[in-house]
Amino acid sequence: MSSVLRTRAITGIIFSIIVLALLIKNSFSATILLALIAILSSYEYGRLVYSESKVLKIATVTVSALVPITAIWNMEFGSSTYKILLYFALAWALINIVNLYTKNNIIPHKKLGMLVSALYIGIPIGLFISLINNLTPYDYLLPVGIIVLIWMSDSMAYLVGSRIGKTKLFPSVSPNKTWEGTLGAGIFTILASFGICFLKTEFTLTFWLLGGIIIWIFGGYGDLVESQLKRYYKVKDSGNFLPGHGGFLDRFDSFIFVLPFVILLYLSLN
């Protein structure tokens, strides 16, 4: 094994253990982890958009991560204001998906960078923090299940695609992704979501099966959206916090992107 692969493997194992441990322990430790993900991901976004200004990088973190999370924390879960923010986050996610199919980038990153980052990162994570703290008792299988299903989808897309992948999915954004890999990811992700139902969880079979489909589809889009962002700014990784894996936004792009859709599913079924 090369030193690069060894570093990537060690980092991945240690990081996965830390993430899962914090999500499993209790809602407070999960909240701390999610807030940290929002802060570091927002910083990396600011680093891409405002590479020339340290002040604007810090301001991006404050405006797009800390303010939304703090505001939503003090908001009643499921209230009218909560739902309005959710609809904004959903609309923004759909705009980013449409942007993938356009020839010219329509996202005003430079002009509205802090607002973009809030809609892209801070608000979805803030809404999800509110959701997990509303669960009585706290069900760690919700955040853990989402993370594990995303990892499953990513891994299977790579493994299936590398074996039998021939038809390019989005060559202009992510040349290595294939339709075969994506369909393989869908099959394994839905099977894994079915398996979660046999664990001790407060959530129904319907929730996990629909959630698995949502995570497969929109998690894939989340990865493509971040890939497009990096291509736009001509960088390989969003950051270097995680040796061999890039930055936090690289690792949690799909997770953040699916949150508004998972929350909408939860509200629809409850």
C-alpha atoms as a PDB file:
ATOM      1  CA  MET A   1       0.000   0.000   0.000  1.00  0.00           C
ATOM      2  CA  SER A   2       1.368   3.417  -0.975  1.00  0.00           C
ATOM      3  CA  SER A   3       1.890   6.118   1.643  1.00  0.00           C
ATOM      4  CA  VAL A   4      -0.956   8.160   0.118  1.00  0.00           C
ATOM      5  CA  LEU A   5      -3.427   5.271   0.367  1.00  0.00           C
ATOM      6  CA  ARG A   6      -2.208   4.456   3.884  1.00  0.00           C
ATOM      7  CA  THR A   7      -2.762   8.063   4.990  1.00  0.00           C
ATOM      8  CA  ARG A   8      -6.199   8.103   3.380  1.00  0.00           C
ATOM      9  CA  ALA A   9      -7.184   4.814   5.043  1.00  0.00           C
ATOM     10  CA  ILE A  10      -5.955   5.807   8.515  1.00  0.00           C
ATOM     11  CA  THR A  11      -7.620   9.223   8.312  1.00  0.00           C
ATOM     12  CA  GLY A  12     -10.863   7.676   7.067  1.00  0.00           C
ATOM     13  CA  ILE A  13     -11.032   5.077   9.846  1.00  0.00           C
ATOM     14  CA  ILE A  14     -10.218   7.497  12.678  1.00  0.00           C
ATOM     15  CA  PHE A  15     -12.534  10.181  11.325  1.00  0.00           C
ATOM     16  CA  SER A  16     -15.418   7.723  10.855  1.00  0.00           C
ATOM     17  CA  ILE A  17     -15.069   6.432  14.420  1.00  0.00           C
ATOM     18  CA  ILE A  18     -15.093   9.975  15.849  1.00  0.00           C
ATOM     19  CA  VAL A  19     -18.110  11.033  13.762  1.00  0.00           C
ATOM     20  CA  LEU A  20     -20.163   7.945  14.632  1.00  0.00           C
ATOM     21  CA  ALA A  21     -19.229   8.110  18.333  1.00  0.00           C
ATOM     22  CA  LEU A  22     -20.365  11.732  18.622  1.00  0.00           C
ATOM     23  CA  LEU A  23     -23.620  11.055  16.773  1.00  0.00           C
ATOM     24  CA  ILE A  24     -24.390   7.995  18.897  1.00  0.00           C
ATOM     25  CA  LYS A  25     -23.540   9.415  22.356  1.00  0.00           C
ATOM     26  CA  ASN A  26     -26.375  11.935  22.709  1.00  0.00           C
ATOM     27  CA  SER A  27     -28.079  14.889  21.038  1.00  0.00           C
ATOM     28  CA  PHE A  28     -25.658  17.380  22.620  1.00  0.00           C
ATOM     29  CA  SER A  29     -22.524  15.745  21.204  1.00  0.00           C
ATOM     30  CA  ALA A  30     -24.305  15.353  17.851  1.00  0.00           C
ATOM     31  CA  THR A  31     -25.182  19.055  17.917  1.00  0.00           C
ATOM     32  CA  ILE A  32     -21.553  20.015  18.607  1.00  0.00           C
ATOM     33  CA  LEU A  33     -20.387  17.853  15.694  1.00  0.00           C
ATOM     34  CA  LEU A  34     -22.988  19.263  13.305  1.00  0.00           C
ATOM     35  CA  ALA A  35     -22.165  22.841  14.312  1.00  0.00           C
ATOM     36  CA  LEU A  36     -18.469  22.115  13.730  1.00  0.00           C
ATOM     37  CA  ILE A  37     -19.272  20.699  10.288  1.00  0.00           C
ATOM     38  CA  ALA A  38     -21.234  23.862   9.464  1.00  0.00           C
ATOM     39  CA  ILE A  39     -18.464  26.182  10.682  1.00  0.00           C
ATOM     40  CA  LEU A  40     -15.613  24.408   8.878  1.00  0.00           C
ATOM     41  CA  SER A  41     -17.617  23.826   5.686  1.00  0.00           C
ATOM     42  CA  SER A  42     -18.652  27.493   5.623  1.00  0.00           C
ATOM     43  CA  TYR A  43     -15.041  28.526   6.141  1.00  0.00           C
ATOM     44  CA  GLU A  44     -13.975  26.349   3.215  1.00  0.00           C
ATOM     45  CA  TYR A  45     -16.714  27.830   1.051  1.00  0.00           C
ATOM     46  CA  GLY A  46     -15.555  31.318   2.036  1.00  0.00           C
ATOM     47  CA  ARG A  47     -11.988  30.257   1.261  1.00  0.00           C
ATOM     48  CA  LEU A  48     -13.052  29.344  -2.274  1.00  0.00           C
ATOM     49  CA  VAL A  49     -15.160  32.418  -2.955  1.00  0.00           C
ATOM     50  CA  TYR A  50     -13.160  35.048  -1.052  1.00  0.00           C
ATOM     51  CA  SER A  51      -9.643  33.666  -1.390  1.00  0.00           C
ATOM     52  CA  GLU A  52      -8.162  37.167  -1.261  1.00  0.00           C
ATOM     53  CA  SER A  53      -9.809  38.333   1.976  1.00  0.00           C
ATOM     54  CA  LYS A  54      -9.347  36.803   5.430  1.00  0.00           C
ATOM     55  CA  VAL A  55     -12.010  39.135   6.856  1.00  0.00           C
ATOM     56  CA  LEU A  56     -14.626  37.917   4.376  1.00  0.00           C
ATOM     57  CA  LYS A  57     -13.729  34.282   5.110  1.00  0.00           C
ATOM     58  CA  ILE A  58     -14.415  34.832   8.810  1.00  0.00           C
ATOM     59  CA  ALA A  59     -17.547  36.848   8.027  1.00  0.00           C
ATOM     60  CA  THR A  60     -18.813  33.981   5.875  1.00  0.00           C
ATOM     61  CA  VAL A  61     -18.535  31.605   8.832  1.00  0.00           C
ATOM     62  CA  THR A  62     -20.365  34.037  11.115  1.00  0.00           C
ATOM     63  CA  VAL A  63     -23.180  34.953   8.747  1.00  0.00           C
ATOM     64  CA  SER A  64     -23.744  31.620   7.034  1.00  0.00           C
ATOM     65  CA  ALA A  65     -23.183  29.170   9.905  1.00  0.00           C
ATOM     66  CA  LEU A  66     -23.322  30.677  13.385  1.00  0.00           C
ATOM     67  CA  VAL A  67     -26.239  33.066  12.830  1.00  0.00           C
ATOM     68  CA  PRO A  68     -28.616  30.533  11.181  1.00  0.00           C
ATOM     69  CA  ILE A  69     -27.826  27.787  13.691  1.00  0.00           C
ATOM     70  CA  THR A  70     -28.302  30.125  16.667  1.00  0.00           C
ATOM     71  CA  ALA A  71     -31.530  31.558  15.251  1.00  0.00           C
ATOM     72  CA  ILE A  72     -33.036  28.151  14.416  1.00  0.00           C
ATOM     73  CA  TRP A  73     -31.921  26.768  17.801  1.00  0.00           C
ATOM     74  CA  ASN A  74     -34.253  29.286  19.469  1.00  0.00           C
ATOM     75  CA  MET A  75     -37.074  28.555  17.038  1.00  0.00           C
ATOM     76  CA  GLU A  76     -39.963  26.167  17.664  1.00  0.00           C
ATOM     77  CA  PHE A  77     -39.500  22.999  15.628  1.00  0.00           C
ATOM     78  CA  GLY A  78     -42.052  22.762  12.826  1.00  0.00           C
ATOM     79  CA  SER A  79     -43.229  26.365  13.271  1.00  0.00           C
ATOM     80  CA  SER A  80     -44.214  28.523  10.297  1.00  0.00           C
ATOM     81  CA  THR A  81     -40.827  30.266  10.330  1.00  0.00           C
ATOM     82  CA  TYR A  82     -39.052  26.905  10.492  1.00  0.00           C
ATOM     83  CA  LYS A  83     -40.984  25.679   7.464  1.00  0.00           C
ATOM     84  CA  ILE A  84     -40.302  28.874   5.515  1.00  0.00           C
ATOM     85  CA  LEU A  85     -36.561  28.415   6.052  1.00  0.00           C
ATOM     86  CA  LEU A  86     -36.922  24.774   5.005  1.00  0.00           C
ATOM     87  CA  TYR A  87     -38.666  25.800   1.776  1.00  0.00           C
ATOM     88  CA  PHE A  88     -35.890  28.312   1.059  1.00  0.00           C
ATOM     89  CA  ALA A  89     -33.280  25.585   1.579  1.00  0.00           C
ATOM     90  CA  LEU A  90     -35.215  23.196  -0.677  1.00  0.00           C
ATOM     91  CA  ALA A  91     -35.619  25.837  -3.373  1.00  0.00           C
ATOM     92  CA  TRP A  92     -31.916  26.614  -3.238  1.00  0.00           C
ATOM     93  CA  ALA A  93     -31.018  22.936  -3.560  1.00  0.00           C
ATOM     94  CA  LEU A  94     -33.253  22.651  -6.632  1.00  0.00           C
ATOM     95  CA  ILE A  95     -31.689  25.784  -8.159  1.00  0.00           C
ATOM     96  CA  ASN A  96     -28.272  24.162  -7.746  1.00  0.00           C
ATOM     97  CA  ILE A  97     -29.536  21.028  -9.488  1.00  0.00           C
ATOM     98  CA  VAL A  98     -30.872  23.108 -12.393  1.00  0.00           C
ATOM     99  CA  ASN A  99     -27.503  24.876 -12.521  1.00  0.00           C
ATOM    100  CA  LEU A 100     -25.835  21.529 -13.274  1.00  0.00           C
ATOM    101  CA  TYR A 101     -27.765  21.347 -16.546  1.00  0.00           C
ATOM    102  CA  THR A 102     -26.972  24.888 -17.711  1.00  0.00           C
ATOM    103  CA  LYS A 103     -23.986  25.851 -19.847  1.00  0.00           C
ATOM    104  CA  ASN A 104     -23.184  28.939 -17.796  1.00  0.00           C
ATOM    105  CA  ASN A 105     -23.070  29.102 -13.992  1.00  0.00           C
ATOM    106  CA  ILE A 106     -26.143  30.934 -12.664  1.00  0.00           C
ATOM    107  CA  ILE A 107     -25.139  30.912  -8.971  1.00  0.00           C
ATOM    108  CA  PRO A 108     -23.884  34.376  -7.846  1.00  0.00           C
ATOM    109  CA  HIS A 109     -21.148  33.077  -5.532  1.00  0.00           C
ATOM    110  CA  LYS A 110     -19.097  36.281  -5.460  1.00  0.00           C
ATOM    111  CA  LYS A 111     -21.956  38.756  -5.144  1.00  0.00           C
ATOM    112  CA  LEU A 112     -24.067  36.820  -2.665  1.00  0.00           C
ATOM    113  CA  GLY A 113     -21.492  34.446  -1.203  1.00  0.00           C
ATOM    114  CA  MET A 114     -22.623  34.682   2.414  1.00  0.00           C
ATOM    115  CA  LEU A 115     -26.307  34.242   1.566  1.00  0.00           C
ATOM    116  CA  VAL A 116     -25.448  31.362  -0.765  1.00  0.00           C
ATOM    117  CA  SER A 117     -23.424  29.676   1.975  1.00  0.00           C
ATOM    118  CA  ALA A 118     -26.239  30.132   4.499  1.00  0.00           C
ATOM    119  CA  LEU A 119     -28.764  28.496   2.171  1.00  0.00           C
ATOM    120  CA  TYR A 120     -26.287  25.813   1.152  1.00  0.00           C
ATOM    121  CA  ILE A 121     -24.771  24.959   4.549  1.00  0.00           C
ATOM    122  CA  GLY A 122     -25.908  26.862   7.645  1.00  0.00           C
ATOM    123  CA  ILE A 123     -29.682  26.689   7.309  1.00  0.00           C
ATOM    124  CA  PRO A 124     -29.913  22.961   6.385  1.00  0.00           C
ATOM    125  CA  ILE A 125     -27.652  21.988   9.282  1.00  0.00           C
ATOM    126  CA  GLY A 126     -29.472  24.347  11.654  1.00  0.00           C
ATOM    127  CA  LEU A 127     -32.820  22.821  10.676  1.00  0.00           C
ATOM    128  CA  PHE A 128     -31.458  19.319  11.232  1.00  0.00           C
ATOM    129  CA  ILE A 129     -30.020  20.230  14.639  1.00  0.00           C
ATOM    130  CA  SER A 130     -33.487  21.434  15.607  1.00  0.00           C
ATOM    131  CA  LEU A 131     -34.982  18.143  14.412  1.00  0.00           C
ATOM    132  CA  ILE A 132     -32.652  15.816  16.343  1.00  0.00           C
ATOM    133  CA  ASN A 133     -33.093  17.886  19.504  1.00  0.00           C
ATOM    134  CA  ASN A 134     -36.855  17.568  19.098  1.00  0.00           C
ATOM    135  CA  LEU A 135     -36.685  13.758  19.167  1.00  0.00           C
ATOM    136  CA  THR A 136     -37.793  12.354  22.535  1.00  0.00           C
ATOM    137  CA  PRO A 137     -36.001  10.135  23.237  1.00  0.00           C
ATOM    138  CA  TYR A 138     -33.035  10.991  21.025  1.00  0.00           C
ATOM    139  CA  ASP A 139     -32.770   8.432  18.210  1.00  0.00           C
ATOM    140  CA  TYR A 140     -29.151   8.368  17.056  1.00  0.00           C
ATOM    141  CA  LEU A 141     -30.104   6.106  14.144  1.00  0.00           C
ATOM    142  CA  LEU A 142     -31.477   9.125  12.274  1.00  0.00           C
ATOM    143  CA  PRO A 143     -28.158  11.008  11.836  1.00  0.00           C
ATOM    144  CA  VAL A 144     -26.115   7.791  11.833  1.00  0.00           C
ATOM    145  CA  GLY A 145     -28.446   6.193   9.289  1.00  0.00           C
ATOM    146  CA  ILE A 146     -28.177   9.174   6.948  1.00  0.00           C
ATOM    147  CA  ILE A 147     -24.374   9.200   7.199  1.00  0.00           C
ATOM    148  CA  VAL A 148     -24.066   5.430   6.712  1.00  0.00           C
ATOM    149  CA  LEU A 149     -26.429   5.415   3.725  1.00  0.00           C
ATOM    150  CA  ILE A 150     -24.439   8.229   2.110  1.00  0.00           C
ATOM    151  CA  TRP A 151     -21.192   6.326   2.693  1.00  0.00           C
ATOM    152  CA  MET A 152     -22.842   3.220   1.246  1.00  0.00           C
ATOM    153  CA  SER A 153     -24.036   5.124  -1.817  1.00  0.00           C
ATOM    154  CA  ASP A 154     -20.635   6.754  -2.416  1.00  0.00           C
ATOM    155  CA  SER A 155     -18.725   3.498  -1.953  1.00  0.00           C
ATOM    156  CA  MET A 156     -21.010   1.415  -4.157  1.00  0.00           C
ATOM    157  CA  ALA A 157     -21.072   4.072  -6.881  1.00  0.00           C
ATOM    158  CA  TYR A 158     -17.278   3.896  -6.975  1.00  0.00           C
ATOM    159  CA  LEU A 159     -16.996   0.094  -6.754  1.00  0.00           C
ATOM    160  CA  VAL A 160     -19.723  -0.706  -9.285  1.00  0.00           C
ATOM    161  CA  GLY A 161     -18.654   2.114 -11.577  1.00  0.00           C
ATOM    162  CA  SER A 162     -15.005   1.044 -11.552  1.00  0.00           C
ATOM    163  CA  ARG A 163     -15.998  -2.543 -12.421  1.00  0.00           C
ATOM    164  CA  ILE A 164     -18.708  -2.161 -15.052  1.00  0.00           C
ATOM    165  CA  GLY A 165     -19.140   1.587 -15.552  1.00  0.00           C
ATOM    166  CA  LYS A 166     -19.104   2.727 -19.180  1.00  0.00           C
ATOM    167  CA  THR A 167     -21.760   5.415 -19.583  1.00  0.00           C
ATOM    168  CA  LYS A 168     -20.633   8.792 -18.226  1.00  0.00           C
ATOM    169  CA  LEU A 169     -23.106  10.511 -15.897  1.00  0.00           C
ATOM    170  CA  PHE A 170     -21.844  14.112 -15.860  1.00  0.00           C
ATOM    171  CA  PRO A 171     -18.526  14.250 -17.750  1.00  0.00           C
ATOM    172  CA  SER A 172     -18.360  18.056 -17.634  1.00  0.00           C
ATOM    173  CA  VAL A 173     -18.577  18.091 -13.826  1.00  0.00           C
ATOM    174  CA  SER A 174     -17.339  14.708 -12.595  1.00  0.00           C
ATOM    175  CA  PRO A 175     -15.708  12.643 -15.392  1.00  0.00           C
ATOM    176  CA  ASN A 176     -15.379   9.458 -13.324  1.00  0.00           C
ATOM    177  CA  LYS A 177     -19.050   9.068 -12.395  1.00  0.00           C
ATOM    178  CA  THR A 178     -21.099   6.618 -14.463  1.00  0.00           C
ATOM    179  CA  TRP A 179     -24.753   5.671 -14.806  1.00  0.00           C
ATOM    180  CA  GLU A 180     -23.913   2.070 -13.981  1.00  0.00           C
ATOM    181  CA  GLY A 181     -22.200   3.121 -10.750  1.00  0.00           C
ATOM    182  CA  THR A 182     -25.110   5.385  -9.846  1.00  0.00           C
ATOM    183  CA  LEU A 183     -27.702   2.653 -10.390  1.00  0.00           C
ATOM    184  CA  GLY A 184     -25.586   0.181  -8.409  1.00  0.00           C
ATOM    185  CA  ALA A 185     -25.380   2.721  -5.596  1.00  0.00           C
ATOM    186  CA  GLY A 186     -29.164   3.038  -5.622  1.00  0.00           C
ATOM    187  CA  ILE A 187     -29.730  -0.702  -5.278  1.00  0.00           C
ATOM    188  CA  PHE A 188     -27.308  -1.114  -2.376  1.00  0.00           C
ATOM    189  CA  THR A 189     -28.463   2.081  -0.621  1.00  0.00           C
ATOM    190  CA  ILE A 190     -32.120   1.047  -0.695  1.00  0.00           C
ATOM    191  CA  LEU A 191     -31.215  -2.449   0.551  1.00  0.00           C
ATOM    192  CA  ALA A 192     -29.200  -0.882   3.389  1.00  0.00           C
ATOM    193  CA  SER A 193     -32.087   1.443   4.290  1.00  0.00           C
ATOM    194  CA  PHE A 194     -34.341  -1.624   4.503  1.00  0.00           C
ATOM    195  CA  GLY A 195     -31.803  -3.238   6.849  1.00  0.00           C
ATOM    196  CA  ILE A 196     -31.874  -0.232   9.195  1.00  0.00           C
ATOM    197  CA  CYS A 197     -35.557  -0.941   9.857  1.00  0.00           C
ATOM    198  CA  PHE A 198     -34.598  -4.127  11.709  1.00  0.00           C
ATOM    199  CA  LEU A 199     -32.631  -2.094  14.247  1.00  0.00           C
ATOM    200  CA  LYS A 200     -34.225  -0.455  17.277  1.00  0.00           C
ATOM    201  CA  THR A 201     -35.400   2.785  15.709  1.00  0.00           C
ATOM    202  CA  GLU A 202     -38.359   5.089  16.226  1.00  0.00           C
ATOM    203  CA  PHE A 203     -38.680   5.582  12.466  1.00  0.00           C
ATOM    204  CA  THR A 204     -40.902   3.482  10.207  1.00  0.00           C
ATOM    205  CA  LEU A 205     -40.115   1.249   7.254  1.00  0.00           C
ATOM    206  CA  THR A 206     -41.749   3.836   4.979  1.00  0.00           C
ATOM    207  CA  PHE A 207     -39.474   6.573   6.300  1.00  0.00           C
ATOM    208  CA  TRP A 208     -36.275   4.586   5.797  1.00  0.00           C
ATOM    209  CA  LEU A 209     -37.170   3.257   2.354  1.00  0.00           C
ATOM    210  CA  LEU A 210     -38.204   6.688   1.070  1.00  0.00           C
ATOM    211  CA  GLY A 211     -35.235   8.172   2.917  1.00  0.00           C
ATOM    212  CA  GLY A 212     -32.908   5.726   1.182  1.00  0.00           C
ATOM    213  CA  ILE A 213     -34.213   6.802  -2.220  1.00  0.00           C
ATOM    214  CA  ILE A 214     -33.877  10.483  -1.274  1.00  0.00           C
ATOM    215  CA  ILE A 215     -30.332   9.984  -0.003  1.00  0.00           C
ATOM    216  CA  TRP A 216     -29.322   8.065  -3.131  1.00  0.00           C
ATOM    217  CA  ILE A 217     -30.725  10.653  -5.563  1.00  0.00           C
ATOM    218  CA  PHE A 218     -30.048  13.938  -3.788  1.00  0.00           C
ATOM    219  CA  GLY A 219     -26.821  12.764  -2.157  1.00  0.00           C
ATOM    220  CA  GLY A 220     -25.499  12.158  -5.663  1.00  0.00           C
ATOM    221  CA  TYR A 221     -26.613  15.620  -6.709  1.00  0.00           C
ATOM    222  CA  GLY A 222     -24.946  17.110  -3.633  1.00  0.00           C
ATOM    223  CA  ASP A 223     -21.634  15.603  -4.667  1.00  0.00           C
ATOM    224  CA  LEU A 224     -22.046  16.937  -8.215  1.00  0.00           C
ATOM    225  CA  VAL A 225     -22.953  20.435  -6.988  1.00  0.00           C
ATOM    226  CA  GLU A 226     -19.780  20.626  -4.902  1.00  0.00           C
ATOM    227  CA  SER A 227     -17.716  19.217  -7.783  1.00  0.00           C
ATOM    228  CA  GLN A 228     -19.109  21.942 -10.035  1.00  0.00           C
ATOM    229  CA  LEU A 229     -18.228  24.574  -7.429  1.00  0.00           C
ATOM    230  CA  LYS A 230     -14.630  23.323  -7.232  1.00  0.00           C
ATOM    231  CA  ARG A 231     -14.322  23.227 -11.014  1.00  0.00           C
ATOM    232  CA  TYR A 232     -15.651  26.787 -11.205  1.00  0.00           C
ATOM    233  CA  TYR A 233     -12.872  27.944  -8.860  1.00  0.00           C
ATOM    234  CA  LYS A 234     -10.312  25.525 -10.345  1.00  0.00           C
ATOM    235  CA  VAL A 235      -9.414  23.672  -7.141  1.00  0.00           C
ATOM    236  CA  LYS A 236      -9.123  19.943  -6.443  1.00  0.00           C
ATOM    237  CA  ASP A 237     -10.314  19.963  -2.806  1.00  0.00           C
ATOM    238  CA  SER A 238     -12.340  22.390  -0.712  1.00  0.00           C
ATOM    239  CA  GLY A 239      -9.714  22.247   2.043  1.00  0.00           C
ATOM    240  CA  ASN A 240      -7.008  20.156   3.669  1.00  0.00           C
ATOM    241  CA  PHE A 241      -8.396  19.472   7.149  1.00  0.00           C
ATOM    242  CA  LEU A 242      -8.511  15.724   6.465  1.00  0.00           C
ATOM    243  CA  PRO A 243      -5.269  14.281   5.027  1.00  0.00           C
ATOM    244  CA  GLY A 244      -6.025  12.211   1.947  1.00  0.00           C
ATOM    245  CA  HIS A 245      -9.686  13.241   1.946  1.00  0.00           C
ATOM    246  CA  GLY A 246      -9.622  16.994   1.342  1.00  0.00           C
ATOM    247  CA  GLY A 247     -11.828  19.234   3.436  1.00  0.00           C
ATOM    248  CA  PHE A 248     -15.027  19.016   5.464  1.00  0.00           C
ATOM    249  CA  LEU A 249     -17.142  20.223   2.551  1.00  0.00           C
ATOM    250  CA  ASP A 250     -15.644  17.437   0.428  1.00  0.00           C
ATOM    251  CA  ARG A 251     -16.690  14.856   3.031  1.00  0.00           C
ATOM    252  CA  PHE A 252     -20.099  16.260   3.967  1.00  0.00           C
ATOM    253  CA  ASP A 253     -21.356  17.796   0.709  1.00  0.00           C
ATOM    254  CA  SER A 254     -23.887  15.008   0.121  1.00  0.00           C
ATOM    255  CA  PHE A 255     -24.930  14.900   3.790  1.00  0.00           C
ATOM    256  CA  ILE A 256     -25.646  18.634   3.908  1.00  0.00           C
ATOM    257  CA  PHE A 257     -27.458  18.584   0.569  1.00  0.00           C
ATOM    258  CA  VAL A 258     -29.920  15.820   1.526  1.00  0.00           C
ATOM    259  CA  LEU A 259     -30.906  17.311   4.903  1.00  0.00           C
ATOM    260  CA  PRO A 260     -33.751  19.588   3.688  1.00  0.00           C
ATOM    261  CA  PHE A 261     -35.282  16.680   1.743  1.00  0.00           C
ATOM    262  CA  VAL A 262     -35.026  14.299   4.713  1.00  0.00           C
ATOM    263  CA  ILE A 263     -36.577  16.920   7.010  1.00  0.00           C
ATOM    264  CA  LEU A 264     -39.419  17.452   4.526  1.00  0.00           C
ATOM    265  CA  LEU A 265     -39.997  13.683   4.516  1.00  0.00           C
ATOM    266  CA  TYR A 266     -40.065  13.619   8.332  1.00  0.00           C
ATOM    267  CA  LEU A 267     -42.591  16.470   8.515  1.00  0.00           C
ATOM    268  CA  SER A 268     -44.735  14.864   5.802  1.00  0.00           C
ATOM    269  CA  LEU A 269     -44.923  11.540   7.661  1.00  0.00           C
ATOM    270  CA  ASN A 270     -45.448  13.071  11.105  1.00  0.00           C
END
